[in-house]
Amino acid sequence: MRAAIRRKEGPEPVGTIAVAQATIEVKKASGRLLPHVDSYFLYRCDAEEFERTERVDLGQIRFLIEGEGEVTYPDGHVERSKPIMVSGPGTAAAHYRLRGPVTCFGVTLRAIGWKALIGLPANKFTDHNIDGEKLFCEKAPMLLSQLRRMSSLDEMISALAPLLIMRQEEVKPVPEAHFPFLAAVRDWAASSDDPTIEQLYATIFQSSGLGERQVQRLCLEYFGSSPAKLKRKFRAIRAAMQIYQGAPMPDILGPFADQSHMINEVKHFTGHTPTSLRSGVDPVLAVTLGDADFHFLPEVFPEEVDLRVI
């Protein structure tokens, strides 16, 4: 049976979902970090050992408060989990093997957040983890020690904010000329008309004068993928959301060559077939597919935020 998201009362949307021994609580970002951070999450599982498949995302910062494990990436290489780690954008679903109990507090980044907070080319770290202690220096282990004494997501968010703001001030600001590029990619990703890559190039050239090669370079730098691969990723995640939410198959197949193509793409990027999506999925995937508030599409950054005044 599909688990339901339960919201807490309050001014900001919060989601909590539980399946078997695992729970995840998610809270949307607000305030100064909103343009860069999509949401915060607190994941707990009390199983001694378990495995899970994780869909692609744009990048996360994770604090492993308790537990350990390793992740197998699409090309087959394995990396051990780090107490503080930055997970780069994915090219396909990854497989986790964890030893618990596990408690993980994390931040889901927007594409502009990767640039503004991590400050490294995203394509250099696709399907890899960065050691957060090296990136954030001595303040990160101190924060992890604090987090281990906390129990609520709100407490953890408040403790983390100064570290992210400090990092934002250290990293070179996003160039003004890149805002039209990011806005164009956002609109392209959000469109239900399945626009072509050529249309993306034309829109960006008209708004900012950037040529195809510059667009390709910036897509790698911000999103970790070429425009062609981004199109596949966006299309597959959108289809997975529609499947999970019960949309009829004809409404889902439009952007794909046929049903087999759709099934293969959804499985490649989420690790699940349409059948398994509809019959029940793990709690993390359920949160990101089951509610429009909790996913990185269609927004690259919120329209209402003026990034120039951050």
C-alpha atoms as a PDB file:
ATOM      1  CA  MET A   1       0.000   0.000   0.000  1.00  0.00           C
ATOM      2  CA  ARG A   2       1.285   3.469  -0.863  1.00  0.00           C
ATOM      3  CA  ALA A   3       2.174   5.497   2.185  1.00  0.00           C
ATOM      4  CA  ALA A   4       0.739   8.993   2.555  1.00  0.00           C
ATOM      5  CA  ILE A   5       2.525  12.241   3.267  1.00  0.00           C
ATOM      6  CA  ARG A   6       1.390  13.776   6.512  1.00  0.00           C
ATOM      7  CA  ARG A   7       1.785  17.523   6.895  1.00  0.00           C
ATOM      8  CA  LYS A   8       2.392  19.369  10.135  1.00  0.00           C
ATOM      9  CA  GLU A   9       0.585  22.584  10.974  1.00  0.00           C
ATOM     10  CA  GLY A  10       2.592  25.754  10.442  1.00  0.00           C
ATOM     11  CA  PRO A  11       3.405  28.475   7.934  1.00  0.00           C
ATOM     12  CA  GLU A  12       5.931  26.425   5.986  1.00  0.00           C
ATOM     13  CA  PRO A  13       5.209  23.099   4.274  1.00  0.00           C
ATOM     14  CA  VAL A  14       6.638  20.092   6.031  1.00  0.00           C
ATOM     15  CA  GLY A  15       6.225  16.501   4.925  1.00  0.00           C
ATOM     16  CA  THR A  16       6.742  13.281   6.833  1.00  0.00           C
ATOM     17  CA  ILE A  17       6.359   9.796   5.463  1.00  0.00           C
ATOM     18  CA  ALA A  18       7.003   6.400   7.027  1.00  0.00           C
ATOM     19  CA  VAL A  19       7.374   2.936   5.551  1.00  0.00           C
ATOM     20  CA  ALA A  20       8.354  -0.102   7.638  1.00  0.00           C
ATOM     21  CA  GLN A  21      11.359   0.948   9.762  1.00  0.00           C
ATOM     22  CA  ALA A  22      12.216   4.115   7.819  1.00  0.00           C
ATOM     23  CA  THR A  23      10.945   7.688   8.159  1.00  0.00           C
ATOM     24  CA  ILE A  24      11.828  10.886   6.370  1.00  0.00           C
ATOM     25  CA  GLU A  25      10.834  14.430   7.283  1.00  0.00           C
ATOM     26  CA  VAL A  26      11.262  17.158   4.671  1.00  0.00           C
ATOM     27  CA  LYS A  27      11.005  20.915   5.022  1.00  0.00           C
ATOM     28  CA  LYS A  28      11.146  23.472   2.237  1.00  0.00           C
ATOM     29  CA  ALA A  29      13.851  26.110   2.396  1.00  0.00           C
ATOM     30  CA  SER A  30      13.055  29.722   3.253  1.00  0.00           C
ATOM     31  CA  GLY A  31      14.860  32.976   3.926  1.00  0.00           C
ATOM     32  CA  ARG A  32      18.317  33.890   2.716  1.00  0.00           C
ATOM     33  CA  LEU A  33      19.245  30.407   1.494  1.00  0.00           C
ATOM     34  CA  LEU A  34      16.044  29.835  -0.489  1.00  0.00           C
ATOM     35  CA  PRO A  35      17.521  30.526  -3.936  1.00  0.00           C
ATOM     36  CA  HIS A  36      20.238  27.937  -3.377  1.00  0.00           C
ATOM     37  CA  VAL A  37      18.572  25.286  -1.229  1.00  0.00           C
ATOM     38  CA  ASP A  38      15.425  23.440  -2.271  1.00  0.00           C
ATOM     39  CA  SER A  39      14.731  21.597   0.977  1.00  0.00           C
ATOM     40  CA  TYR A  40      16.119  19.999   4.122  1.00  0.00           C
ATOM     41  CA  PHE A  41      15.492  16.424   5.204  1.00  0.00           C
ATOM     42  CA  LEU A  42      15.959  14.148   8.194  1.00  0.00           C
ATOM     43  CA  TYR A  43      16.056  10.442   7.379  1.00  0.00           C
ATOM     44  CA  ARG A  44      15.954   7.699  10.006  1.00  0.00           C
ATOM     45  CA  CYS A  45      15.969   3.919   9.716  1.00  0.00           C
ATOM     46  CA  ASP A  46      16.407   1.587  12.679  1.00  0.00           C
ATOM     47  CA  ALA A  47      17.197  -1.562  10.659  1.00  0.00           C
ATOM     48  CA  GLU A  48      20.570  -3.166  11.345  1.00  0.00           C
ATOM     49  CA  GLU A  49      21.308  -3.521   7.633  1.00  0.00           C
ATOM     50  CA  PHE A  50      19.320  -2.510   4.589  1.00  0.00           C
ATOM     51  CA  GLU A  51      19.572  -1.502   0.953  1.00  0.00           C
ATOM     52  CA  ARG A  52      17.812   1.154  -1.072  1.00  0.00           C
ATOM     53  CA  THR A  53      17.905   2.638  -4.549  1.00  0.00           C
ATOM     54  CA  GLU A  54      18.184   6.387  -4.926  1.00  0.00           C
ATOM     55  CA  ARG A  55      16.962   8.341  -7.940  1.00  0.00           C
ATOM     56  CA  VAL A  56      19.037  11.031  -9.629  1.00  0.00           C
ATOM     57  CA  ASP A  57      19.154  14.485  -8.094  1.00  0.00           C
ATOM     58  CA  LEU A  58      21.019  17.761  -8.582  1.00  0.00           C
ATOM     59  CA  GLY A  59      23.283  17.397  -5.535  1.00  0.00           C
ATOM     60  CA  GLN A  60      22.998  17.172  -1.750  1.00  0.00           C
ATOM     61  CA  ILE A  61      24.964  17.965   1.402  1.00  0.00           C
ATOM     62  CA  ARG A  62      24.609  15.161   3.960  1.00  0.00           C
ATOM     63  CA  PHE A  63      25.534  14.740   7.607  1.00  0.00           C
ATOM     64  CA  LEU A  64      25.559  11.080   8.638  1.00  0.00           C
ATOM     65  CA  ILE A  65      24.704  11.476  12.309  1.00  0.00           C
ATOM     66  CA  GLU A  66      24.774   7.725  12.898  1.00  0.00           C
ATOM     67  CA  GLY A  67      25.269   4.656  10.752  1.00  0.00           C
ATOM     68  CA  GLU A  68      27.591   3.811   7.882  1.00  0.00           C
ATOM     69  CA  GLY A  69      27.512   2.275   4.437  1.00  0.00           C
ATOM     70  CA  GLU A  70      28.529   2.559   0.817  1.00  0.00           C
ATOM     71  CA  VAL A  71      26.991   3.517  -2.495  1.00  0.00           C
ATOM     72  CA  THR A  72      27.368   1.746  -5.831  1.00  0.00           C
ATOM     73  CA  TYR A  73      27.197   4.188  -8.712  1.00  0.00           C
ATOM     74  CA  PRO A  74      25.884   3.462 -12.231  1.00  0.00           C
ATOM     75  CA  ASP A  75      29.320   2.624 -13.615  1.00  0.00           C
ATOM     76  CA  GLY A  76      29.805   0.011 -10.864  1.00  0.00           C
ATOM     77  CA  HIS A  77      32.354   1.821  -8.700  1.00  0.00           C
ATOM     78  CA  VAL A  78      31.731   1.876  -4.944  1.00  0.00           C
ATOM     79  CA  GLU A  79      32.350   4.716  -2.481  1.00  0.00           C
ATOM     80  CA  ARG A  80      32.042   4.540   1.276  1.00  0.00           C
ATOM     81  CA  SER A  81      29.747   7.003   2.993  1.00  0.00           C
ATOM     82  CA  LYS A  82      31.505   9.870   4.745  1.00  0.00           C
ATOM     83  CA  PRO A  83      30.323  11.470   8.001  1.00  0.00           C
ATOM     84  CA  ILE A  84      30.002  14.772   6.111  1.00  0.00           C
ATOM     85  CA  MET A  85      29.647  14.486   2.359  1.00  0.00           C
ATOM     86  CA  VAL A  86      28.504  16.361  -0.692  1.00  0.00           C
ATOM     87  CA  SER A  87      26.797  14.073  -3.176  1.00  0.00           C
ATOM     88  CA  GLY A  88      27.279  15.233  -6.741  1.00  0.00           C
ATOM     89  CA  PRO A  89      24.554  15.186  -9.403  1.00  0.00           C
ATOM     90  CA  GLY A  90      23.631  11.711 -10.583  1.00  0.00           C
ATOM     91  CA  THR A  91      23.637  10.321 -14.100  1.00  0.00           C
ATOM     92  CA  ALA A  92      21.375   7.391 -13.160  1.00  0.00           C
ATOM     93  CA  ALA A  93      19.896   5.710 -10.098  1.00  0.00           C
ATOM     94  CA  ALA A  94      22.451   4.625  -7.474  1.00  0.00           C
ATOM     95  CA  HIS A  95      22.318   1.729  -4.984  1.00  0.00           C
ATOM     96  CA  TYR A  96      22.963   2.168  -1.252  1.00  0.00           C
ATOM     97  CA  ARG A  97      23.895  -0.509   1.274  1.00  0.00           C
ATOM     98  CA  LEU A  98      23.635   0.829   4.831  1.00  0.00           C
ATOM     99  CA  ARG A  99      24.289  -0.473   8.322  1.00  0.00           C
ATOM    100  CA  GLY A 100      22.105   1.061  10.959  1.00  0.00           C
ATOM    101  CA  PRO A 101      20.522   2.423  12.811  1.00  0.00           C
ATOM    102  CA  VAL A 102      20.942   5.336  10.382  1.00  0.00           C
ATOM    103  CA  THR A 103      20.179   8.999  10.956  1.00  0.00           C
ATOM    104  CA  CYS A 104      21.027  11.374   8.134  1.00  0.00           C
ATOM    105  CA  PHE A 105      20.379  15.118   7.993  1.00  0.00           C
ATOM    106  CA  GLY A 106      20.746  16.679   4.577  1.00  0.00           C
ATOM    107  CA  VAL A 107      20.225  19.540   2.190  1.00  0.00           C
ATOM    108  CA  THR A 108      18.924  19.186  -1.361  1.00  0.00           C
ATOM    109  CA  LEU A 109      20.555  21.836  -3.524  1.00  0.00           C
ATOM    110  CA  ARG A 110      19.228  23.692  -6.520  1.00  0.00           C
ATOM    111  CA  ALA A 111      21.521  24.010  -9.524  1.00  0.00           C
ATOM    112  CA  ILE A 112      22.376  27.591  -8.597  1.00  0.00           C
ATOM    113  CA  GLY A 113      23.059  26.380  -5.053  1.00  0.00           C
ATOM    114  CA  TRP A 114      25.708  24.001  -6.306  1.00  0.00           C
ATOM    115  CA  LYS A 115      27.478  26.942  -7.921  1.00  0.00           C
ATOM    116  CA  ALA A 116      26.965  29.352  -5.010  1.00  0.00           C
ATOM    117  CA  LEU A 117      27.649  26.992  -2.075  1.00  0.00           C
ATOM    118  CA  ILE A 118      29.917  24.264  -3.425  1.00  0.00           C
ATOM    119  CA  GLY A 119      31.734  26.415  -5.963  1.00  0.00           C
ATOM    120  CA  LEU A 120      33.108  23.507  -8.000  1.00  0.00           C
ATOM    121  CA  PRO A 121      32.121  22.381 -11.518  1.00  0.00           C
ATOM    122  CA  ALA A 122      29.231  19.942 -11.017  1.00  0.00           C
ATOM    123  CA  ASN A 123      30.304  17.701 -13.902  1.00  0.00           C
ATOM    124  CA  LYS A 124      33.611  16.971 -12.138  1.00  0.00           C
ATOM    125  CA  PHE A 125      31.667  15.280  -9.320  1.00  0.00           C
ATOM    126  CA  THR A 126      28.765  13.505 -11.013  1.00  0.00           C
ATOM    127  CA  ASP A 127      28.304  10.062  -9.450  1.00  0.00           C
ATOM    128  CA  HIS A 128      30.818  10.879  -6.710  1.00  0.00           C
ATOM    129  CA  ASN A 129      30.899  12.077  -3.103  1.00  0.00           C
ATOM    130  CA  ILE A 130      33.066  14.958  -1.902  1.00  0.00           C
ATOM    131  CA  ASP A 131      34.495  14.856   1.624  1.00  0.00           C
ATOM    132  CA  GLY A 132      32.624  17.653   3.387  1.00  0.00           C
ATOM    133  CA  GLU A 133      35.329  18.061   6.026  1.00  0.00           C
ATOM    134  CA  LYS A 134      37.771  19.124   3.304  1.00  0.00           C
ATOM    135  CA  LEU A 135      35.231  21.425   1.651  1.00  0.00           C
ATOM    136  CA  PHE A 136      33.934  23.164   4.814  1.00  0.00           C
ATOM    137  CA  CYS A 137      37.115  22.793   6.904  1.00  0.00           C
ATOM    138  CA  GLU A 138      37.072  22.494  10.707  1.00  0.00           C
ATOM    139  CA  LYS A 139      33.613  24.018  11.179  1.00  0.00           C
ATOM    140  CA  ALA A 140      31.889  20.990   9.637  1.00  0.00           C
ATOM    141  CA  PRO A 141      33.038  18.404  12.245  1.00  0.00           C
ATOM    142  CA  MET A 142      32.044  20.862  14.980  1.00  0.00           C
ATOM    143  CA  LEU A 143      28.600  21.123  13.428  1.00  0.00           C
ATOM    144  CA  LEU A 144      28.283  17.332  13.167  1.00  0.00           C
ATOM    145  CA  SER A 145      28.983  17.072  16.898  1.00  0.00           C
ATOM    146  CA  GLN A 146      26.206  19.588  17.532  1.00  0.00           C
ATOM    147  CA  LEU A 147      23.775  17.714  15.276  1.00  0.00           C
ATOM    148  CA  ARG A 148      24.348  14.497  17.234  1.00  0.00           C
ATOM    149  CA  ARG A 149      22.899  16.231  20.297  1.00  0.00           C
ATOM    150  CA  MET A 150      19.780  17.404  18.444  1.00  0.00           C
ATOM    151  CA  SER A 151      16.544  15.605  17.723  1.00  0.00           C
ATOM    152  CA  SER A 152      14.407  17.895  15.565  1.00  0.00           C
ATOM    153  CA  LEU A 153      14.784  18.955  11.948  1.00  0.00           C
ATOM    154  CA  ASP A 154      14.169  22.608  12.829  1.00  0.00           C
ATOM    155  CA  GLU A 155      17.056  22.589  15.318  1.00  0.00           C
ATOM    156  CA  MET A 156      19.369  21.092  12.713  1.00  0.00           C
ATOM    157  CA  ILE A 157      18.384  23.610  10.045  1.00  0.00           C
ATOM    158  CA  SER A 158      19.093  26.495  12.424  1.00  0.00           C
ATOM    159  CA  ALA A 159      22.485  25.021  13.325  1.00  0.00           C
ATOM    160  CA  LEU A 160      23.454  24.483   9.676  1.00  0.00           C
ATOM    161  CA  ALA A 161      22.424  27.900   8.304  1.00  0.00           C
ATOM    162  CA  PRO A 162      25.506  29.838   9.534  1.00  0.00           C
ATOM    163  CA  LEU A 163      27.839  27.315   7.865  1.00  0.00           C
ATOM    164  CA  LEU A 164      26.051  27.607   4.519  1.00  0.00           C
ATOM    165  CA  ILE A 165      25.925  31.415   4.709  1.00  0.00           C
ATOM    166  CA  MET A 166      29.649  31.494   5.499  1.00  0.00           C
ATOM    167  CA  ARG A 167      30.324  29.224   2.525  1.00  0.00           C
ATOM    168  CA  GLN A 168      28.164  31.423   0.275  1.00  0.00           C
ATOM    169  CA  GLU A 169      30.285  34.429   1.246  1.00  0.00           C
ATOM    170  CA  GLU A 170      33.504  32.522   0.487  1.00  0.00           C
ATOM    171  CA  VAL A 171      32.498  31.311  -2.983  1.00  0.00           C
ATOM    172  CA  LYS A 172      32.684  33.555  -6.034  1.00  0.00           C
ATOM    173  CA  PRO A 173      29.195  35.006  -6.745  1.00  0.00           C
ATOM    174  CA  VAL A 174      27.090  33.724  -9.617  1.00  0.00           C
ATOM    175  CA  PRO A 175      27.789  35.998 -12.611  1.00  0.00           C
ATOM    176  CA  GLU A 176      24.990  38.349 -13.582  1.00  0.00           C
ATOM    177  CA  ALA A 177      25.090  37.033 -17.162  1.00  0.00           C
ATOM    178  CA  HIS A 178      24.173  33.529 -15.963  1.00  0.00           C
ATOM    179  CA  PHE A 179      20.735  34.499 -14.603  1.00  0.00           C
ATOM    180  CA  PRO A 180      19.042  34.524 -18.040  1.00  0.00           C
ATOM    181  CA  PHE A 181      20.634  31.151 -18.762  1.00  0.00           C
ATOM    182  CA  LEU A 182      19.287  29.650 -15.541  1.00  0.00           C
ATOM    183  CA  ALA A 183      15.837  31.141 -16.107  1.00  0.00           C
ATOM    184  CA  ALA A 184      15.731  29.696 -19.632  1.00  0.00           C
ATOM    185  CA  VAL A 185      16.721  26.230 -18.419  1.00  0.00           C
ATOM    186  CA  ARG A 186      14.067  26.433 -15.708  1.00  0.00           C
ATOM    187  CA  ASP A 187      11.337  27.304 -18.199  1.00  0.00           C
ATOM    188  CA  TRP A 188      12.562  24.660 -20.626  1.00  0.00           C
ATOM    189  CA  ALA A 189      12.520  21.987 -17.914  1.00  0.00           C
ATOM    190  CA  ALA A 190       9.084  23.076 -16.697  1.00  0.00           C
ATOM    191  CA  SER A 191       7.428  23.072 -20.108  1.00  0.00           C
ATOM    192  CA  SER A 192       4.881  20.334 -20.771  1.00  0.00           C
ATOM    193  CA  ASP A 193       5.314  20.813 -24.532  1.00  0.00           C
ATOM    194  CA  ASP A 194       8.589  18.835 -24.638  1.00  0.00           C
ATOM    195  CA  PRO A 195      10.612  21.604 -26.345  1.00  0.00           C
ATOM    196  CA  THR A 196      13.737  20.649 -28.260  1.00  0.00           C
ATOM    197  CA  ILE A 197      17.309  21.428 -27.270  1.00  0.00           C
ATOM    198  CA  GLU A 198      17.511  23.714 -30.294  1.00  0.00           C
ATOM    199  CA  GLN A 199      14.671  25.771 -28.802  1.00  0.00           C
ATOM    200  CA  LEU A 200      16.648  26.060 -25.563  1.00  0.00           C
ATOM    201  CA  TYR A 201      19.703  27.291 -27.452  1.00  0.00           C
ATOM    202  CA  ALA A 202      17.630  29.834 -29.371  1.00  0.00           C
ATOM    203  CA  THR A 203      15.945  31.195 -26.229  1.00  0.00           C
ATOM    204  CA  ILE A 204      19.227  31.612 -24.374  1.00  0.00           C
ATOM    205  CA  PHE A 205      20.897  33.274 -27.340  1.00  0.00           C
ATOM    206  CA  GLN A 206      18.049  35.771 -27.597  1.00  0.00           C
ATOM    207  CA  SER A 207      18.084  36.585 -23.867  1.00  0.00           C
ATOM    208  CA  SER A 208      21.810  36.599 -23.156  1.00  0.00           C
ATOM    209  CA  GLY A 209      23.767  36.135 -26.380  1.00  0.00           C
ATOM    210  CA  LEU A 210      25.294  32.850 -25.211  1.00  0.00           C
ATOM    211  CA  GLY A 211      26.105  30.393 -27.996  1.00  0.00           C
ATOM    212  CA  GLU A 212      25.574  26.632 -28.031  1.00  0.00           C
ATOM    213  CA  ARG A 213      29.027  25.767 -26.705  1.00  0.00           C
ATOM    214  CA  GLN A 214      28.663  28.237 -23.841  1.00  0.00           C
ATOM    215  CA  VAL A 215      25.258  26.778 -22.959  1.00  0.00           C
ATOM    216  CA  GLN A 216      26.690  23.273 -23.027  1.00  0.00           C
ATOM    217  CA  ARG A 217      29.563  24.327 -20.737  1.00  0.00           C
ATOM    218  CA  LEU A 218      27.256  26.050 -18.266  1.00  0.00           C
ATOM    219  CA  CYS A 219      24.880  23.070 -18.162  1.00  0.00           C
ATOM    220  CA  LEU A 220      27.850  20.891 -17.169  1.00  0.00           C
ATOM    221  CA  GLU A 221      29.021  23.432 -14.602  1.00  0.00           C
ATOM    222  CA  TYR A 222      25.633  23.975 -12.908  1.00  0.00           C
ATOM    223  CA  PHE A 223      23.750  20.721 -13.532  1.00  0.00           C
ATOM    224  CA  GLY A 224      26.517  18.169 -14.119  1.00  0.00           C
ATOM    225  CA  SER A 225      25.090  17.075 -17.478  1.00  0.00           C
ATOM    226  CA  SER A 226      24.878  18.150 -21.097  1.00  0.00           C
ATOM    227  CA  PRO A 227      21.567  19.584 -22.350  1.00  0.00           C
ATOM    228  CA  ALA A 228      20.763  16.264 -24.055  1.00  0.00           C
ATOM    229  CA  LYS A 229      21.220  14.305 -20.816  1.00  0.00           C
ATOM    230  CA  LEU A 230      19.362  16.944 -18.816  1.00  0.00           C
ATOM    231  CA  LYS A 231      16.422  16.568 -21.165  1.00  0.00           C
ATOM    232  CA  ARG A 232      16.373  12.810 -20.542  1.00  0.00           C
ATOM    233  CA  LYS A 233      16.642  13.287 -16.780  1.00  0.00           C
ATOM    234  CA  PHE A 234      13.885  15.905 -16.568  1.00  0.00           C
ATOM    235  CA  ARG A 235      11.598  13.860 -18.837  1.00  0.00           C
ATOM    236  CA  ALA A 236      12.072  10.644 -16.850  1.00  0.00           C
ATOM    237  CA  ILE A 237      11.515  12.238 -13.425  1.00  0.00           C
ATOM    238  CA  ARG A 238       8.411  14.017 -14.672  1.00  0.00           C
ATOM    239  CA  ALA A 239       7.081  10.689 -16.022  1.00  0.00           C
ATOM    240  CA  ALA A 240       7.875   8.954 -12.717  1.00  0.00           C
ATOM    241  CA  MET A 241       5.916  11.601 -10.827  1.00  0.00           C
ATOM    242  CA  GLN A 242       2.948  11.161 -13.158  1.00  0.00           C
ATOM    243  CA  ILE A 243       3.078   7.382 -12.795  1.00  0.00           C
ATOM    244  CA  TYR A 244       3.312   7.519  -9.004  1.00  0.00           C
ATOM    245  CA  GLN A 245       0.432   9.978  -8.819  1.00  0.00           C
ATOM    246  CA  GLY A 246      -1.752   7.704 -10.964  1.00  0.00           C
ATOM    247  CA  ALA A 247      -1.852   9.487 -14.321  1.00  0.00           C
ATOM    248  CA  PRO A 248      -3.219   7.430 -17.233  1.00  0.00           C
ATOM    249  CA  MET A 249      -0.539   5.921 -19.469  1.00  0.00           C
ATOM    250  CA  PRO A 250      -1.472   7.915 -22.629  1.00  0.00           C
ATOM    251  CA  ASP A 251      -0.761  11.141 -20.721  1.00  0.00           C
ATOM    252  CA  ILE A 252       2.722   9.896 -19.820  1.00  0.00           C
ATOM    253  CA  LEU A 253       3.907   8.466 -23.121  1.00  0.00           C
ATOM    254  CA  GLY A 254       3.810  11.678 -25.194  1.00  0.00           C
ATOM    255  CA  PRO A 255       7.512  12.660 -24.957  1.00  0.00           C
ATOM    256  CA  PHE A 256       8.738   9.059 -25.456  1.00  0.00           C
ATOM    257  CA  ALA A 257       9.146   6.959 -28.595  1.00  0.00           C
ATOM    258  CA  ASP A 258       6.972   4.189 -27.134  1.00  0.00           C
ATOM    259  CA  GLN A 259       6.098   2.472 -23.848  1.00  0.00           C
ATOM    260  CA  SER A 260       9.301   0.428 -23.740  1.00  0.00           C
ATOM    261  CA  HIS A 261      11.346   3.606 -24.133  1.00  0.00           C
ATOM    262  CA  MET A 262       9.471   5.236 -21.261  1.00  0.00           C
ATOM    263  CA  ILE A 263       9.904   2.206 -18.985  1.00  0.00           C
ATOM    264  CA  ASN A 264      13.638   2.001 -19.670  1.00  0.00           C
ATOM    265  CA  GLU A 265      14.187   5.715 -19.063  1.00  0.00           C
ATOM    266  CA  VAL A 266      12.188   5.775 -15.821  1.00  0.00           C
ATOM    267  CA  LYS A 267      14.051   2.750 -14.509  1.00  0.00           C
ATOM    268  CA  HIS A 268      17.416   4.198 -15.535  1.00  0.00           C
ATOM    269  CA  PHE A 269      16.902   7.426 -13.587  1.00  0.00           C
ATOM    270  CA  THR A 270      14.810   6.210 -10.620  1.00  0.00           C
ATOM    271  CA  GLY A 271      15.738   2.545 -10.279  1.00  0.00           C
ATOM    272  CA  HIS A 272      12.048   1.600 -10.439  1.00  0.00           C
ATOM    273  CA  THR A 273       9.704   0.349 -13.135  1.00  0.00           C
ATOM    274  CA  PRO A 274       6.226   1.866 -13.538  1.00  0.00           C
ATOM    275  CA  THR A 275       4.812  -1.232 -11.837  1.00  0.00           C
ATOM    276  CA  SER A 276       6.991  -0.850  -8.750  1.00  0.00           C
ATOM    277  CA  LEU A 277       6.325   2.905  -8.633  1.00  0.00           C
ATOM    278  CA  ARG A 278       2.582   2.284  -8.471  1.00  0.00           C
ATOM    279  CA  SER A 279       2.723  -0.657  -6.083  1.00  0.00           C
ATOM    280  CA  GLY A 280       4.893   1.005  -3.463  1.00  0.00           C
ATOM    281  CA  VAL A 281       8.301   2.660  -3.179  1.00  0.00           C
ATOM    282  CA  ASP A 282      10.775   3.587  -0.466  1.00  0.00           C
ATOM    283  CA  PRO A 283       9.915   6.649   1.641  1.00  0.00           C
ATOM    284  CA  VAL A 284      12.510   8.995   0.148  1.00  0.00           C
ATOM    285  CA  LEU A 285      11.333   8.416  -3.402  1.00  0.00           C
ATOM    286  CA  ALA A 286       7.710   8.648  -2.302  1.00  0.00           C
ATOM    287  CA  VAL A 287       8.273  12.134  -0.891  1.00  0.00           C
ATOM    288  CA  THR A 288       9.997  13.405  -4.025  1.00  0.00           C
ATOM    289  CA  LEU A 289       7.417  11.912  -6.411  1.00  0.00           C
ATOM    290  CA  GLY A 290       4.198  12.180  -4.447  1.00  0.00           C
ATOM    291  CA  ASP A 291       3.925  15.884  -3.761  1.00  0.00           C
ATOM    292  CA  ALA A 292       4.693  18.856  -5.979  1.00  0.00           C
ATOM    293  CA  ASP A 293       6.327  20.684  -3.063  1.00  0.00           C
ATOM    294  CA  PHE A 294       9.140  18.159  -2.749  1.00  0.00           C
ATOM    295  CA  HIS A 295      11.078  17.722  -5.955  1.00  0.00           C
ATOM    296  CA  PHE A 296      13.676  19.566  -7.986  1.00  0.00           C
ATOM    297  CA  LEU A 297      11.430  19.930 -11.028  1.00  0.00           C
ATOM    298  CA  PRO A 298      10.164  22.054 -12.570  1.00  0.00           C
ATOM    299  CA  GLU A 299      11.948  24.787 -10.604  1.00  0.00           C
ATOM    300  CA  VAL A 300      15.653  25.478 -10.949  1.00  0.00           C
ATOM    301  CA  PHE A 301      15.184  28.385  -8.587  1.00  0.00           C
ATOM    302  CA  PRO A 302      12.002  30.102  -7.368  1.00  0.00           C
ATOM    303  CA  GLU A 303      10.643  32.681  -9.777  1.00  0.00           C
ATOM    304  CA  GLU A 304       9.753  35.110  -7.023  1.00  0.00           C
ATOM    305  CA  VAL A 305      13.327  35.391  -5.697  1.00  0.00           C
ATOM    306  CA  ASP A 306      15.515  38.132  -7.116  1.00  0.00           C
ATOM    307  CA  LEU A 307      18.947  36.542  -6.960  1.00  0.00           C
ATOM    308  CA  ARG A 308      20.688  39.854  -7.550  1.00  0.00           C
ATOM    309  CA  VAL A 309      19.849  41.123  -4.062  1.00  0.00           C
ATOM    310  CA  ILE A 310      20.902  38.020  -2.136  1.00  0.00           C
END
